[in-house]
All heavy atoms as atom14 arrays in JSON, in Angstrom:
{
  "sequence": "FDVKTLQGIVLTRRASYLEKLMDILSGVFTPSTEDPFFITVTMEK",
  "atom14_mask": [
    [1, 1, 1, 1, 1, 1, 1, 1, 1, 1, 1, 0, 0, 0],
    [1, 1, 1, 1, 1, 1, 1, 1, 0, 0, 0, 0, 0, 0],
    [1, 1, 1, 1, 1, 1, 1, 0, 0, 0, 0, 0, 0, 0],
    [1, 1, 1, 1, 1, 1, 1, 1, 1, 0, 0, 0, 0, 0],
    [1, 1, 1, 1, 1, 1, 1, 0, 0, 0, 0, 0, 0, 0],
    [1, 1, 1, 1, 1, 1, 1, 1, 0, 0, 0, 0, 0, 0],
    [1, 1, 1, 1, 1, 1, 1, 1, 1, 0, 0, 0, 0, 0],
    [1, 1, 1, 1, 0, 0, 0, 0, 0, 0, 0, 0, 0, 0],
    [1, 1, 1, 1, 1, 1, 1, 1, 0, 0, 0, 0, 0, 0],
    [1, 1, 1, 1, 1, 1, 1, 0, 0, 0, 0, 0, 0, 0],
    [1, 1, 1, 1, 1, 1, 1, 1, 0, 0, 0, 0, 0, 0],
    [1, 1, 1, 1, 1, 1, 1, 0, 0, 0, 0, 0, 0, 0],
    [1, 1, 1, 1, 1, 1, 1, 1, 1, 1, 1, 0, 0, 0],
    [1, 1, 1, 1, 1, 1, 1, 1, 1, 1, 1, 0, 0, 0],
    [1, 1, 1, 1, 1, 0, 0, 0, 0, 0, 0, 0, 0, 0],
    [1, 1, 1, 1, 1, 1, 0, 0, 0, 0, 0, 0, 0, 0],
    [1, 1, 1, 1, 1, 1, 1, 1, 1, 1, 1, 1, 0, 0],
    [1, 1, 1, 1, 1, 1, 1, 1, 0, 0, 0, 0, 0, 0],
    [1, 1, 1, 1, 1, 1, 1, 1, 1, 0, 0, 0, 0, 0],
    [1, 1, 1, 1, 1, 1, 1, 1, 1, 0, 0, 0, 0, 0],
    [1, 1, 1, 1, 1, 1, 1, 1, 0, 0, 0, 0, 0, 0],
    [1, 1, 1, 1, 1, 1, 1, 1, 0, 0, 0, 0, 0, 0],
    [1, 1, 1, 1, 1, 1, 1, 1, 0, 0, 0, 0, 0, 0],
    [1, 1, 1, 1, 1, 1, 1, 1, 0, 0, 0, 0, 0, 0],
    [1, 1, 1, 1, 1, 1, 1, 1, 0, 0, 0, 0, 0, 0],
    [1, 1, 1, 1, 1, 1, 0, 0, 0, 0, 0, 0, 0, 0],
    [1, 1, 1, 1, 0, 0, 0, 0, 0, 0, 0, 0, 0, 0],
    [1, 1, 1, 1, 1, 1, 1, 0, 0, 0, 0, 0, 0, 0],
    [1, 1, 1, 1, 1, 1, 1, 1, 1, 1, 1, 0, 0, 0],
    [1, 1, 1, 1, 1, 1, 1, 0, 0, 0, 0, 0, 0, 0],
    [1, 1, 1, 1, 1, 1, 1, 0, 0, 0, 0, 0, 0, 0],
    [1, 1, 1, 1, 1, 1, 0, 0, 0, 0, 0, 0, 0, 0],
    [1, 1, 1, 1, 1, 1, 1, 0, 0, 0, 0, 0, 0, 0],
    [1, 1, 1, 1, 1, 1, 1, 1, 1, 0, 0, 0, 0, 0],
    [1, 1, 1, 1, 1, 1, 1, 1, 0, 0, 0, 0, 0, 0],
    [1, 1, 1, 1, 1, 1, 1, 0, 0, 0, 0, 0, 0, 0],
    [1, 1, 1, 1, 1, 1, 1, 1, 1, 1, 1, 0, 0, 0],
    [1, 1, 1, 1, 1, 1, 1, 1, 1, 1, 1, 0, 0, 0],
    [1, 1, 1, 1, 1, 1, 1, 1, 0, 0, 0, 0, 0, 0],
    [1, 1, 1, 1, 1, 1, 1, 0, 0, 0, 0, 0, 0, 0],
    [1, 1, 1, 1, 1, 1, 1, 0, 0, 0, 0, 0, 0, 0],
    [1, 1, 1, 1, 1, 1, 1, 0, 0, 0, 0, 0, 0, 0],
    [1, 1, 1, 1, 1, 1, 1, 1, 0, 0, 0, 0, 0, 0],
    [1, 1, 1, 1, 1, 1, 1, 1, 1, 0, 0, 0, 0, 0],
    [1, 1, 1, 1, 1, 1, 1, 1, 1, 0, 0, 0, 0, 0]
  ],
  "atom14_positions": [
    [[-91.14, 207.66, -26.87], [-90.29, 207.46, -28.04], [-89.51, 208.73, -28.35], [-89.87, 209.83, -27.94], [-91.13, 207.04, -29.26], [-92.04, 208.11, -29.8], [-91.66, 208.9, -30.88], [-93.28, 208.33, -29.22], [-92.5, 209.89, -31.37], [-94.13, 209.3, -29.71], [-93.74, 210.09, -30.78], [0.0, 0.0, 0.0], [0.0, 0.0, 0.0], [0.0, 0.0, 0.0]],
    [[-88.42, 208.54, -29.05], [-87.55, 209.63, -29.49], [-88.02, 210.08, -30.87], [-88.08, 209.27, -31.8], [-86.1, 209.14, -29.54], [-85.1, 210.23, -29.83], [-85.22, 210.86, -30.9], [-84.19, 210.45, -29.03], [0.0, 0.0, 0.0], [0.0, 0.0, 0.0], [0.0, 0.0, 0.0], [0.0, 0.0, 0.0], [0.0, 0.0, 0.0], [0.0, 0.0, 0.0]],
    [[-88.34, 211.35, -31.01], [-88.91, 211.83, -32.28], [-87.89, 211.8, -33.41], [-88.26, 211.79, -34.59], [-89.46, 213.26, -32.13], [-90.63, 213.28, -31.16], [-88.36, 214.23, -31.67], [0.0, 0.0, 0.0], [0.0, 0.0, 0.0], [0.0, 0.0, 0.0], [0.0, 0.0, 0.0], [0.0, 0.0, 0.0], [0.0, 0.0, 0.0], [0.0, 0.0, 0.0]],
    [[-86.61, 211.75, -33.07], [-85.57, 211.74, -34.11], [-85.27, 210.32, -34.58], [-85.24, 210.05, -35.79], [-84.29, 212.4, -33.59], [-83.22, 212.53, -34.65], [-82.01, 213.29, -34.11], [-80.93, 213.45, -35.19], [-79.74, 214.2, -34.68], [0.0, 0.0, 0.0], [0.0, 0.0, 0.0], [0.0, 0.0, 0.0], [0.0, 0.0, 0.0], [0.0, 0.0, 0.0]],
    [[-85.06, 209.4, -33.64], [-84.69, 208.02, -34.01], [-85.89, 207.09, -34.1], [-85.79, 206.01, -34.68], [-83.71, 207.44, -32.98], [-84.38, 207.31, -31.72], [-82.49, 208.34, -32.81], [0.0, 0.0, 0.0], [0.0, 0.0, 0.0], [0.0, 0.0, 0.0], [0.0, 0.0, 0.0], [0.0, 0.0, 0.0], [0.0, 0.0, 0.0], [0.0, 0.0, 0.0]],
    [[-87.0, 207.51, -33.47], [-88.23, 206.7, -33.38], [-88.04, 205.43, -32.55], [-88.9, 204.55, -32.54], [-88.79, 206.36, -34.76], [-89.34, 207.56, -35.56], [-89.85, 207.1, -36.92], [-90.45, 208.27, -34.78], [0.0, 0.0, 0.0], [0.0, 0.0, 0.0], [0.0, 0.0, 0.0], [0.0, 0.0, 0.0], [0.0, 0.0, 0.0], [0.0, 0.0, 0.0]],
    [[-86.89, 205.34, -31.85], [-86.72, 204.26, -30.87], [-87.58, 204.57, -29.66], [-87.77, 205.74, -29.3], [-85.25, 204.13, -30.46], [-84.32, 203.7, -31.56], [-84.6, 202.28, -32.03], [-84.86, 201.4, -31.21], [-84.54, 202.06, -33.33], [0.0, 0.0, 0.0], [0.0, 0.0, 0.0], [0.0, 0.0, 0.0], [0.0, 0.0, 0.0], [0.0, 0.0, 0.0]],
    [[-88.13, 203.53, -29.01], [-88.98, 203.8, -27.88], [-89.32, 202.59, -27.04], [-88.73, 201.52, -27.2], [0.0, 0.0, 0.0], [0.0, 0.0, 0.0], [0.0, 0.0, 0.0], [0.0, 0.0, 0.0], [0.0, 0.0, 0.0], [0.0, 0.0, 0.0], [0.0, 0.0, 0.0], [0.0, 0.0, 0.0], [0.0, 0.0, 0.0], [0.0, 0.0, 0.0]],
    [[-90.28, 202.78, -26.15], [-90.67, 201.74, -25.21], [-92.19, 201.75, -25.05], [-92.82, 202.81, -25.08], [-89.98, 201.95, -23.84], [-90.27, 200.79, -22.88], [-90.39, 203.27, -23.21], [-89.47, 200.87, -21.58], [0.0, 0.0, 0.0], [0.0, 0.0, 0.0], [0.0, 0.0, 0.0], [0.0, 0.0, 0.0], [0.0, 0.0, 0.0], [0.0, 0.0, 0.0]],
    [[-92.76, 200.56, -24.89], [-94.18, 200.39, -24.58], [-94.22, 199.67, -23.24], [-93.72, 198.55, -23.12], [-94.9, 199.56, -25.67], [-96.36, 199.36, -25.28], [-94.79, 200.24, -27.02], [0.0, 0.0, 0.0], [0.0, 0.0, 0.0], [0.0, 0.0, 0.0], [0.0, 0.0, 0.0], [0.0, 0.0, 0.0], [0.0, 0.0, 0.0], [0.0, 0.0, 0.0]],
    [[-94.81, 200.31, -22.22], [-94.72, 199.81, -20.85], [-96.09, 199.83, -20.18], [-96.85, 200.78, -20.33], [-93.72, 200.67, -20.06], [-93.47, 200.35, -18.59], [-92.02, 200.7, -18.23], [-94.42, 201.09, -17.66], [0.0, 0.0, 0.0], [0.0, 0.0, 0.0], [0.0, 0.0, 0.0], [0.0, 0.0, 0.0], [0.0, 0.0, 0.0], [0.0, 0.0, 0.0]],
    [[-96.38, 198.75, -19.43], [-97.62, 198.68, -18.64], [-97.3, 198.05, -17.29], [-96.2, 197.54, -17.07], [-98.71, 197.85, -19.34], [-98.34, 196.47, -19.33], [-98.93, 198.31, -20.77], [0.0, 0.0, 0.0], [0.0, 0.0, 0.0], [0.0, 0.0, 0.0], [0.0, 0.0, 0.0], [0.0, 0.0, 0.0], [0.0, 0.0, 0.0], [0.0, 0.0, 0.0]],
    [[-98.29, 198.06, -16.4], [-98.12, 197.46, -15.07], [-98.8, 196.1, -14.93], [-98.85, 195.53, -13.85], [-98.68, 198.41, -14.0], [-98.05, 199.79, -14.01], [-96.56, 199.77, -13.7], [-95.99, 201.12, -13.74], [-94.71, 201.4, -13.54], [-93.87, 200.42, -13.29], [-94.29, 202.63, -13.6], [0.0, 0.0, 0.0], [0.0, 0.0, 0.0], [0.0, 0.0, 0.0]],
    [[-99.34, 195.61, -16.03], [-99.93, 194.27, -16.03], [-99.68, 193.64, -17.39], [-99.76, 194.31, -18.43], [-101.42, 194.34, -15.74], [-101.75, 194.72, -14.31], [-103.19, 195.19, -14.15], [-104.14, 194.16, -14.5], [-105.46, 194.41, -14.6], [-105.92, 195.61, -14.39], [-106.27, 193.42, -14.9], [0.0, 0.0, 0.0], [0.0, 0.0, 0.0], [0.0, 0.0, 0.0]],
    [[-99.39, 192.35, -17.4], [-99.04, 191.66, -18.64], [-100.19, 191.67, -19.64], [-99.97, 191.8, -20.85], [-98.62, 190.22, -18.33], [0.0, 0.0, 0.0], [0.0, 0.0, 0.0], [0.0, 0.0, 0.0], [0.0, 0.0, 0.0], [0.0, 0.0, 0.0], [0.0, 0.0, 0.0], [0.0, 0.0, 0.0], [0.0, 0.0, 0.0], [0.0, 0.0, 0.0]],
    [[-101.42, 191.54, -19.16], [-102.56, 191.53, -20.09], [-102.72, 192.88, -20.78], [-103.1, 192.94, -21.95], [-103.85, 191.17, -19.33], [-104.14, 192.14, -18.33], [0.0, 0.0, 0.0], [0.0, 0.0, 0.0], [0.0, 0.0, 0.0], [0.0, 0.0, 0.0], [0.0, 0.0, 0.0], [0.0, 0.0, 0.0], [0.0, 0.0, 0.0], [0.0, 0.0, 0.0]],
    [[-102.41, 193.96, -20.07], [-102.48, 195.29, -20.67], [-101.42, 195.45, -21.76], [-101.66, 196.06, -22.8], [-102.29, 196.37, -19.61], [-103.52, 196.69, -18.81], [-104.56, 195.77, -18.68], [-103.66, 197.91, -18.16], [-105.69, 196.05, -17.93], [-104.8, 198.21, -17.41], [-105.81, 197.28, -17.3], [-106.93, 197.57, -16.57], [0.0, 0.0, 0.0], [0.0, 0.0, 0.0]],
    [[-100.22, 194.9, -21.49], [-99.16, 195.0, -22.49], [-99.54, 194.26, -23.76], [-99.32, 194.75, -24.88], [-97.85, 194.43, -21.93], [-96.64, 194.52, -22.86], [-96.28, 195.97, -23.16], [-95.43, 193.8, -22.26], [0.0, 0.0, 0.0], [0.0, 0.0, 0.0], [0.0, 0.0, 0.0], [0.0, 0.0, 0.0], [0.0, 0.0, 0.0], [0.0, 0.0, 0.0]],
    [[-100.13, 193.09, -23.59], [-100.54, 192.29, -24.75], [-101.57, 193.05, -25.6], [-101.46, 193.12, -26.83], [-101.13, 190.97, -24.28], [-101.51, 190.02, -25.41], [-102.03, 188.69, -24.92], [-101.97, 188.43, -23.69], [-102.5, 187.89, -25.75], [0.0, 0.0, 0.0], [0.0, 0.0, 0.0], [0.0, 0.0, 0.0], [0.0, 0.0, 0.0], [0.0, 0.0, 0.0]],
    [[-102.54, 193.66, -24.95], [-103.57, 194.42, -25.67], [-102.98, 195.65, -26.35], [-103.33, 195.97, -27.49], [-104.68, 194.83, -24.71], [-105.5, 193.67, -24.18], [-106.51, 194.14, -23.14], [-107.29, 192.96, -22.57], [-108.24, 193.4, -21.5], [0.0, 0.0, 0.0], [0.0, 0.0, 0.0], [0.0, 0.0, 0.0], [0.0, 0.0, 0.0], [0.0, 0.0, 0.0]],
    [[-102.09, 196.34, -25.65], [-101.49, 197.56, -26.22], [-100.6, 197.22, -27.4], [-100.56, 197.97, -28.39], [-100.7, 198.29, -25.13], [-100.2, 199.7, -25.48], [-101.32, 200.6, -25.98], [-99.51, 200.33, -24.26], [0.0, 0.0, 0.0], [0.0, 0.0, 0.0], [0.0, 0.0, 0.0], [0.0, 0.0, 0.0], [0.0, 0.0, 0.0], [0.0, 0.0, 0.0]],
    [[-99.89, 196.1, -27.32], [-99.05, 195.69, -28.45], [-99.9, 195.35, -29.67], [-99.51, 195.62, -30.81], [-98.19, 194.5, -28.05], [-97.06, 194.84, -27.08], [-95.84, 195.98, -27.78], [-95.08, 194.9, -28.99], [0.0, 0.0, 0.0], [0.0, 0.0, 0.0], [0.0, 0.0, 0.0], [0.0, 0.0, 0.0], [0.0, 0.0, 0.0], [0.0, 0.0, 0.0]],
    [[-101.07, 194.78, -29.45], [-101.98, 194.51, -30.57], [-102.42, 195.82, -31.22], [-102.47, 195.94, -32.46], [-103.21, 193.74, -30.08], [-102.9, 192.28, -29.79], [-101.87, 191.79, -30.27], [-103.69, 191.64, -29.06], [0.0, 0.0, 0.0], [0.0, 0.0, 0.0], [0.0, 0.0, 0.0], [0.0, 0.0, 0.0], [0.0, 0.0, 0.0], [0.0, 0.0, 0.0]],
    [[-102.74, 196.81, -30.4], [-103.17, 198.11, -30.92], [-102.06, 198.77, -31.73], [-102.32, 199.4, -32.77], [-103.59, 199.03, -29.75], [-104.87, 198.5, -29.1], [-103.78, 200.47, -30.21], [-105.23, 199.19, -27.8], [0.0, 0.0, 0.0], [0.0, 0.0, 0.0], [0.0, 0.0, 0.0], [0.0, 0.0, 0.0], [0.0, 0.0, 0.0], [0.0, 0.0, 0.0]],
    [[-100.81, 198.61, -31.28], [-99.67, 199.28, -31.92], [-98.97, 198.41, -32.96], [-97.92, 198.79, -33.47], [-98.66, 199.7, -30.85], [-99.15, 200.69, -29.79], [-98.1, 200.85, -28.69], [-99.46, 202.04, -30.43], [0.0, 0.0, 0.0], [0.0, 0.0, 0.0], [0.0, 0.0, 0.0], [0.0, 0.0, 0.0], [0.0, 0.0, 0.0], [0.0, 0.0, 0.0]],
    [[-99.52, 197.26, -33.27], [-98.84, 196.3, -34.15], [-98.49, 196.89, -35.52], [-97.5, 196.47, -36.14], [-99.69, 195.04, -34.32], [-100.95, 195.37, -34.92], [0.0, 0.0, 0.0], [0.0, 0.0, 0.0], [0.0, 0.0, 0.0], [0.0, 0.0, 0.0], [0.0, 0.0, 0.0], [0.0, 0.0, 0.0], [0.0, 0.0, 0.0], [0.0, 0.0, 0.0]],
    [[-99.27, 197.85, -35.99], [-99.0, 198.42, -37.31], [-97.97, 199.52, -37.31], [-97.54, 199.99, -38.38], [0.0, 0.0, 0.0], [0.0, 0.0, 0.0], [0.0, 0.0, 0.0], [0.0, 0.0, 0.0], [0.0, 0.0, 0.0], [0.0, 0.0, 0.0], [0.0, 0.0, 0.0], [0.0, 0.0, 0.0], [0.0, 0.0, 0.0], [0.0, 0.0, 0.0]],
    [[-97.53, 199.94, -36.09], [-96.62, 201.09, -36.03], [-95.4, 200.85, -35.14], [-94.48, 201.64, -35.11], [-97.4, 202.33, -35.53], [-97.73, 202.22, -34.06], [-96.66, 203.62, -35.83], [0.0, 0.0, 0.0], [0.0, 0.0, 0.0], [0.0, 0.0, 0.0], [0.0, 0.0, 0.0], [0.0, 0.0, 0.0], [0.0, 0.0, 0.0], [0.0, 0.0, 0.0]],
    [[-95.35, 199.7, -34.43], [-94.26, 199.43, -33.5], [-93.72, 198.03, -33.69], [-94.47, 197.05, -33.75], [-94.74, 199.58, -32.05], [-93.69, 199.31, -31.02], [-92.66, 200.22, -30.79], [-93.71, 198.14, -30.25], [-91.68, 199.96, -29.83], [-92.75, 197.88, -29.3], [-91.73, 198.8, -29.08], [0.0, 0.0, 0.0], [0.0, 0.0, 0.0], [0.0, 0.0, 0.0]],
    [[-92.39, 197.93, -33.81], [-91.71, 196.63, -33.94], [-90.81, 196.41, -32.74], [-89.85, 197.16, -32.54], [-90.86, 196.57, -35.22], [-91.68, 196.83, -36.35], [-90.2, 195.2, -35.36], [0.0, 0.0, 0.0], [0.0, 0.0, 0.0], [0.0, 0.0, 0.0], [0.0, 0.0, 0.0], [0.0, 0.0, 0.0], [0.0, 0.0, 0.0], [0.0, 0.0, 0.0]],
    [[-91.11, 195.42, -31.9], [-90.27, 195.18, -30.71], [-88.91, 194.62, -31.09], [-88.77, 193.92, -32.11], [-91.08, 194.18, -29.9], [-91.94, 193.48, -30.9], [-92.24, 194.49, -31.97], [0.0, 0.0, 0.0], [0.0, 0.0, 0.0], [0.0, 0.0, 0.0], [0.0, 0.0, 0.0], [0.0, 0.0, 0.0], [0.0, 0.0, 0.0], [0.0, 0.0, 0.0]],
    [[-87.91, 194.9, -30.26], [-86.54, 194.44, -30.54], [-86.28, 193.04, -29.99], [-85.25, 192.44, -30.29], [-85.53, 195.42, -29.96], [-85.74, 195.59, -28.57], [0.0, 0.0, 0.0], [0.0, 0.0, 0.0], [0.0, 0.0, 0.0], [0.0, 0.0, 0.0], [0.0, 0.0, 0.0], [0.0, 0.0, 0.0], [0.0, 0.0, 0.0], [0.0, 0.0, 0.0]],
    [[-87.19, 192.52, -29.17], [-87.06, 191.17, -28.63], [-88.37, 190.42, -28.81], [-89.44, 191.03, -28.91], [-86.7, 191.2, -27.13], [-87.71, 191.93, -26.41], [-85.34, 191.83, -26.9], [0.0, 0.0, 0.0], [0.0, 0.0, 0.0], [0.0, 0.0, 0.0], [0.0, 0.0, 0.0], [0.0, 0.0, 0.0], [0.0, 0.0, 0.0], [0.0, 0.0, 0.0]],
    [[-88.27, 189.11, -28.83], [-89.47, 188.3, -29.0], [-90.34, 188.31, -27.75], [-91.58, 188.35, -27.84], [-89.08, 186.85, -29.35], [-90.27, 185.94, -29.63], [-89.84, 184.55, -30.06], [-88.64, 184.36, -30.4], [-90.69, 183.64, -30.05], [0.0, 0.0, 0.0], [0.0, 0.0, 0.0], [0.0, 0.0, 0.0], [0.0, 0.0, 0.0], [0.0, 0.0, 0.0]],
    [[-89.7, 188.27, -26.59], [-90.43, 188.26, -25.33], [-90.27, 189.59, -24.61], [-89.23, 190.26, -24.72], [-89.91, 187.13, -24.42], [-90.15, 185.76, -25.02], [-91.25, 185.54, -25.56], [-89.22, 184.92, -24.96], [0.0, 0.0, 0.0], [0.0, 0.0, 0.0], [0.0, 0.0, 0.0], [0.0, 0.0, 0.0], [0.0, 0.0, 0.0], [0.0, 0.0, 0.0]],
    [[-91.26, 189.99, -23.83], [-91.16, 191.26, -23.11], [-90.25, 191.14, -21.89], [-89.97, 190.03, -21.41], [-92.61, 191.52, -22.67], [-93.2, 190.15, -22.52], [-92.56, 189.32, -23.61], [0.0, 0.0, 0.0], [0.0, 0.0, 0.0], [0.0, 0.0, 0.0], [0.0, 0.0, 0.0], [0.0, 0.0, 0.0], [0.0, 0.0, 0.0], [0.0, 0.0, 0.0]],
    [[-89.8, 192.28, -21.39], [-89.15, 192.33, -20.09], [-90.26, 192.3, -19.04], [-91.32, 192.86, -19.23], [-88.31, 193.6, -19.95], [-87.15, 193.67, -20.89], [-87.29, 194.24, -22.15], [-85.92, 193.16, -20.52], [-86.22, 194.3, -23.02], [-84.84, 193.21, -21.39], [-84.99, 193.78, -22.65], [0.0, 0.0, 0.0], [0.0, 0.0, 0.0], [0.0, 0.0, 0.0]],
    [[-89.96, 191.66, -17.9], [-91.0, 191.44, -16.89], [-90.36, 191.57, -15.51], [-89.45, 190.82, -15.18], [-91.6, 190.05, -17.09], [-92.73, 189.71, -16.16], [-94.04, 189.86, -16.56], [-92.47, 189.22, -14.88], [-95.09, 189.53, -15.71], [-93.51, 188.89, -14.03], [-94.83, 189.05, -14.45], [0.0, 0.0, 0.0], [0.0, 0.0, 0.0], [0.0, 0.0, 0.0]],
    [[-90.83, 192.54, -14.71], [-90.29, 192.77, -13.38], [-91.43, 192.85, -12.38], [-92.31, 193.7, -12.5], [-89.48, 194.1, -13.31], [-88.27, 194.04, -14.25], [-89.03, 194.39, -11.89], [-87.17, 193.12, -13.81], [0.0, 0.0, 0.0], [0.0, 0.0, 0.0], [0.0, 0.0, 0.0], [0.0, 0.0, 0.0], [0.0, 0.0, 0.0], [0.0, 0.0, 0.0]],
    [[-91.44, 191.95, -11.39], [-92.49, 191.97, -10.37], [-92.21, 193.07, -9.35], [-91.13, 193.67, -9.32], [-92.57, 190.62, -9.64], [-91.33, 190.4, -8.95], [-92.82, 189.48, -10.62], [0.0, 0.0, 0.0], [0.0, 0.0, 0.0], [0.0, 0.0, 0.0], [0.0, 0.0, 0.0], [0.0, 0.0, 0.0], [0.0, 0.0, 0.0], [0.0, 0.0, 0.0]],
    [[-93.19, 193.3, -8.48], [-93.03, 194.31, -7.44], [-91.85, 193.98, -6.53], [-91.06, 194.85, -6.18], [-94.33, 194.42, -6.61], [-94.14, 195.34, -5.41], [-95.49, 194.91, -7.48], [0.0, 0.0, 0.0], [0.0, 0.0, 0.0], [0.0, 0.0, 0.0], [0.0, 0.0, 0.0], [0.0, 0.0, 0.0], [0.0, 0.0, 0.0], [0.0, 0.0, 0.0]],
    [[-91.7, 192.7, -6.18], [-90.57, 192.3, -5.33], [-89.25, 192.5, -6.05], [-88.26, 192.96, -5.45], [-90.72, 190.83, -4.89], [-91.98, 190.65, -4.27], [-89.62, 190.45, -3.91], [0.0, 0.0, 0.0], [0.0, 0.0, 0.0], [0.0, 0.0, 0.0], [0.0, 0.0, 0.0], [0.0, 0.0, 0.0], [0.0, 0.0, 0.0], [0.0, 0.0, 0.0]],
    [[-89.2, 192.17, -7.34], [-87.96, 192.35, -8.09], [-87.59, 193.83, -8.22], [-86.41, 194.18, -8.31], [-88.08, 191.7, -9.47], [-87.8, 190.21, -9.47], [-86.1, 189.8, -9.0], [-85.22, 190.34, -10.47], [0.0, 0.0, 0.0], [0.0, 0.0, 0.0], [0.0, 0.0, 0.0], [0.0, 0.0, 0.0], [0.0, 0.0, 0.0], [0.0, 0.0, 0.0]],
    [[-88.57, 194.71, -8.23], [-88.25, 196.14, -8.23], [-87.5, 196.51, -6.95], [-86.55, 197.3, -6.98], [-89.53, 196.97, -8.36], [-90.17, 196.87, -9.74], [-91.26, 197.9, -9.97], [-91.33, 198.87, -9.18], [-92.02, 197.76, -10.94], [0.0, 0.0, 0.0], [0.0, 0.0, 0.0], [0.0, 0.0, 0.0], [0.0, 0.0, 0.0], [0.0, 0.0, 0.0]],
    [[-87.9, 195.92, -5.83], [-87.19, 196.15, -4.57], [-85.81, 195.5, -4.59], [-84.86, 196.02, -4.0], [-88.02, 195.63, -3.39], [-89.32, 196.39, -3.18], [-90.08, 195.9, -1.98], [-89.44, 196.32, -0.68], [-89.48, 197.77, -0.44], [0.0, 0.0, 0.0], [0.0, 0.0, 0.0], [0.0, 0.0, 0.0], [0.0, 0.0, 0.0], [0.0, 0.0, 0.0]]
  ]
}
């Protein structure tokens, strides 16, 4: 996150981890979209 604007990103390598981390951060982080971005290993290539 940017300490000045407080804009940031929450990123994991597995969807279940992202879900758990978002629950942990629910009181301090508001996502800008309803659904997460999702890129598989093949799509990275």
